[in-house]
Structure formats: structure tokens, C-alpha cells
Amino acid sequence: MAELKYLEPTELLEKIYATLCSEYEDAQHYKSEQDQSEIEVTKSRLTKKIFNEFVVDEEYFLTMDSEVFNERYHLYEDDFLRLIKQCSENRVEYDTFVQIIDDLIASAKFRLHAFEQLTEEIQKIQEVDEQEEETEEEDGEDGEDEEE
């Protein structure tokens, strides 16, 4: 398996992914509307189950604090679900699938890092501005003392 940087795949993730791939393969054998409807529900639930089974930084998406999840991954949720669906529908090998998911997680992490860098830079600029204002105020007060 390729070296993953962020995703920590579980044994259950692999099993659920295999089951979802199987559902896509088996769907063609069922013709009735009810069977097709049930298969669609199953595929949808398994897709969401796979999504919830993703583990990053030793934490499952399912149990991750909602604020943390929203800050880091919510923006990418539709992309994750689309990748799960398209990979399983097209029988992409599991090792390739987890690498693809790892790449999307990397994108989310890089995005978060970029905003953290921006916040740090803004704080530095504000601190410099505050120091300059204080220096100007002190210089102004010194100037007033000399005039008296």
C-alpha cells in the first residue's frame, strides 16, 4: 500500500468499501423497482458509513467535535462523498481509493494551514502597528514635555 500522510485506514473501512463495491456490481442483477430502491438506500448508507469511518489525527469523522469538523472538512464533504461513490461504482482498488482520499484530506489540511498562516501574519502586523502607535504617542508626550 502507498504511504498515506493523513488518513488512518481501519480494517472496517476496507470491509465497508468492499461491500459498497459489491452493491454496485450486484445492482445490475436486480430489476424490480423495489429492489433498485433498496439498493440505492443501501449504497447511500454505506457511502455515509465509509465517510464516517475516516480517521485523521486519531479521530473518526463521526465522533470529531462538530466545530473542528466544520473548520477542517465540512467544505470538502460533498467531494469526499463523490469520491467514495465514483471509486466504488468503478471498482477502484482499495489501496488506490485510500490514496485518493488521503490526497483530498491533504488538500483540506493545506487549506487550513494557509488560513492559520494568514491569521498569524495579521496578528504580527497588528502587533507592529500597536507598537508603532505606542512609540508615536510616547514621542508626542515627550515633545509636549519639552515645550513646557
Protein backbone atom coordinates (compact mmCIF):
# COMPACT_ATOMS: atom_id res chain seq x y z
CA MET A 1 0.00 0.00 0.00
CA ALA A 2 1.18 3.52 -0.77
CA GLU A 3 2.40 5.67 2.09
CA LEU A 4 -0.52 7.67 3.46
CA LYS A 5 0.16 11.02 5.09
CA TYR A 6 -3.11 11.71 6.90
CA LEU A 7 -5.76 9.01 6.54
CA GLU A 8 -5.53 6.20 9.09
CA PRO A 9 -7.48 3.39 7.42
CA THR A 10 -9.25 0.89 9.64
CA GLU A 11 -10.00 -2.73 8.91
CA LEU A 12 -13.69 -1.87 8.96
CA LEU A 13 -13.18 0.84 6.33
CA GLU A 14 -11.77 -1.73 3.93
CA LYS A 15 -14.67 -4.10 4.58
CA ILE A 16 -17.33 -1.43 4.12
CA TYR A 17 -15.65 -0.25 0.91
CA ALA A 18 -15.62 -3.83 -0.43
CA THR A 19 -19.30 -4.19 0.45
CA LEU A 20 -20.18 -0.93 -1.32
CA CYS A 21 -18.27 -2.01 -4.44
CA SER A 22 -20.19 -5.27 -4.31
CA GLU A 23 -23.50 -3.40 -4.09
CA TYR A 24 -22.67 -1.51 -7.27
CA GLU A 25 -21.75 -4.76 -9.03
CA ASP A 26 -24.87 -6.58 -7.83
CA ALA A 27 -27.28 -3.75 -8.70
CA GLN A 28 -27.42 -4.79 -12.35
CA HIS A 29 -28.89 -8.17 -11.37
CA TYR A 30 -31.95 -6.71 -9.70
CA LYS A 31 -34.66 -5.41 -11.97
CA SER A 32 -37.64 -4.63 -9.78
CA GLU A 33 -38.23 -1.06 -8.74
CA GLN A 34 -38.38 -2.04 -5.06
CA ASP A 35 -35.05 -3.88 -5.27
CA GLN A 36 -33.45 -0.92 -7.06
CA SER A 37 -34.82 1.45 -4.43
CA GLU A 38 -33.48 -0.70 -1.60
CA ILE A 39 -30.09 -0.95 -3.30
CA GLU A 40 -29.94 2.85 -3.64
CA VAL A 41 -30.68 3.26 0.06
CA THR A 42 -28.00 0.67 0.91
CA LYS A 43 -25.42 2.37 -1.32
CA SER A 44 -26.23 5.75 0.21
CA ARG A 45 -25.91 4.43 3.76
CA LEU A 46 -22.68 2.58 3.03
CA THR A 47 -21.22 5.70 1.40
CA LYS A 48 -22.01 7.73 4.50
CA LYS A 49 -20.68 4.92 6.72
CA ILE A 50 -17.37 4.96 4.83
CA PHE A 51 -17.20 8.73 5.23
CA ASN A 52 -17.81 8.44 8.98
CA GLU A 53 -15.13 5.72 9.22
CA PHE A 54 -12.35 8.05 8.04
CA VAL A 55 -9.77 8.55 10.79
CA VAL A 56 -7.43 11.54 10.78
CA ASP A 57 -5.20 12.52 13.70
CA GLU A 58 -6.53 9.51 15.62
CA GLU A 59 -10.10 10.79 15.39
CA TYR A 60 -13.06 9.46 13.40
CA PHE A 61 -15.00 11.93 11.27
CA LEU A 62 -18.12 10.53 13.00
CA THR A 63 -17.02 11.41 16.53
CA MET A 64 -14.97 14.52 15.73
CA ASP A 65 -16.06 17.68 17.52
CA SER A 66 -18.51 19.41 15.17
CA GLU A 67 -16.64 22.73 15.30
CA VAL A 68 -13.36 21.02 14.42
CA PHE A 69 -15.03 19.05 11.62
CA ASN A 70 -16.70 22.15 10.21
CA GLU A 71 -13.46 24.12 10.30
CA ARG A 72 -11.37 21.40 8.65
CA TYR A 73 -13.51 19.13 6.48
CA HIS A 74 -17.09 20.34 6.04
CA LEU A 75 -16.19 22.31 2.93
CA TYR A 76 -14.95 19.04 1.39
CA GLU A 77 -17.82 16.78 2.46
CA ASP A 78 -19.50 16.67 -0.95
CA ASP A 79 -16.14 15.94 -2.57
CA PHE A 80 -15.49 13.06 -0.15
CA LEU A 81 -18.91 11.58 -0.83
CA ARG A 82 -18.49 11.97 -4.59
CA LEU A 83 -15.08 10.28 -4.48
CA ILE A 84 -16.45 7.40 -2.40
CA LYS A 85 -19.32 6.93 -4.85
CA GLN A 86 -17.25 7.15 -8.00
CA CYS A 87 -14.44 4.96 -6.68
CA SER A 88 -16.78 2.21 -5.50
CA GLU A 89 -19.02 2.45 -8.56
CA ASN A 90 -15.99 2.00 -10.83
CA ARG A 91 -14.37 -0.70 -8.66
CA VAL A 92 -11.23 1.32 -7.93
CA GLU A 93 -8.78 -0.80 -5.94
CA TYR A 94 -8.93 -0.18 -2.19
CA ASP A 95 -5.28 0.94 -1.96
CA THR A 96 -5.85 3.49 -4.71
CA PHE A 97 -9.10 4.60 -3.09
CA VAL A 98 -7.45 5.37 0.27
CA GLN A 99 -4.64 7.23 -1.53
CA ILE A 100 -7.22 9.39 -3.33
CA ILE A 101 -8.98 10.12 -0.04
CA ASP A 102 -5.63 10.89 1.62
CA ASP A 103 -4.92 13.42 -1.14
CA LEU A 104 -8.23 15.20 -0.50
CA ILE A 105 -7.52 15.25 3.24
CA ALA A 106 -4.13 16.78 2.42
CA SER A 107 -5.90 19.49 0.46
CA ALA A 108 -8.15 20.24 3.43
CA LYS A 109 -5.14 20.38 5.74
CA PHE A 110 -3.21 22.69 3.39
CA ARG A 111 -6.23 24.99 3.20
CA LEU A 112 -6.45 25.13 6.99
CA HIS A 113 -2.70 25.78 7.24
CA ALA A 114 -2.98 28.66 4.75
CA PHE A 115 -5.65 30.34 6.87
CA GLU A 116 -3.63 29.75 10.04
CA GLN A 117 -0.64 31.43 8.35
CA LEU A 118 -2.84 34.36 7.37
CA THR A 119 -4.09 34.74 10.94
CA GLU A 120 -0.52 34.68 12.28
CA GLU A 121 0.61 37.31 9.77
CA ILE A 122 -2.33 39.57 10.61
CA GLN A 123 -1.51 39.27 14.31
CA LYS A 124 2.14 40.17 13.66
CA ILE A 125 1.13 43.21 11.62
CA GLN A 126 -1.33 44.33 14.31
CA GLU A 127 1.36 43.97 16.99
CA VAL A 128 3.80 46.07 14.94
CA ASP A 129 1.11 48.69 14.33
CA GLU A 130 0.30 48.82 18.05
CA GLN A 131 3.97 49.22 18.94
CA GLU A 132 4.37 52.00 16.39
CA GLU A 133 1.29 53.78 17.78
CA GLU A 134 2.66 53.50 21.32
CA THR A 135 6.04 54.84 20.18
CA GLU A 136 4.35 57.75 18.40
CA GLU A 137 2.26 58.52 21.48
CA GLU A 138 5.36 58.44 23.69
CA ASP A 139 7.24 60.67 21.26
CA GLY A 140 4.29 63.05 21.24
CA GLU A 141 4.23 63.18 25.03
CA ASP A 142 7.99 63.77 25.16
CA GLY A 143 7.59 66.62 22.72
CA GLU A 144 4.90 68.21 24.90
CA ASP A 145 7.13 67.96 27.98
CA GLU A 146 9.94 69.78 26.21
CA GLU A 147 7.67 72.64 25.14
CA GLU A 148 6.63 73.38 28.71
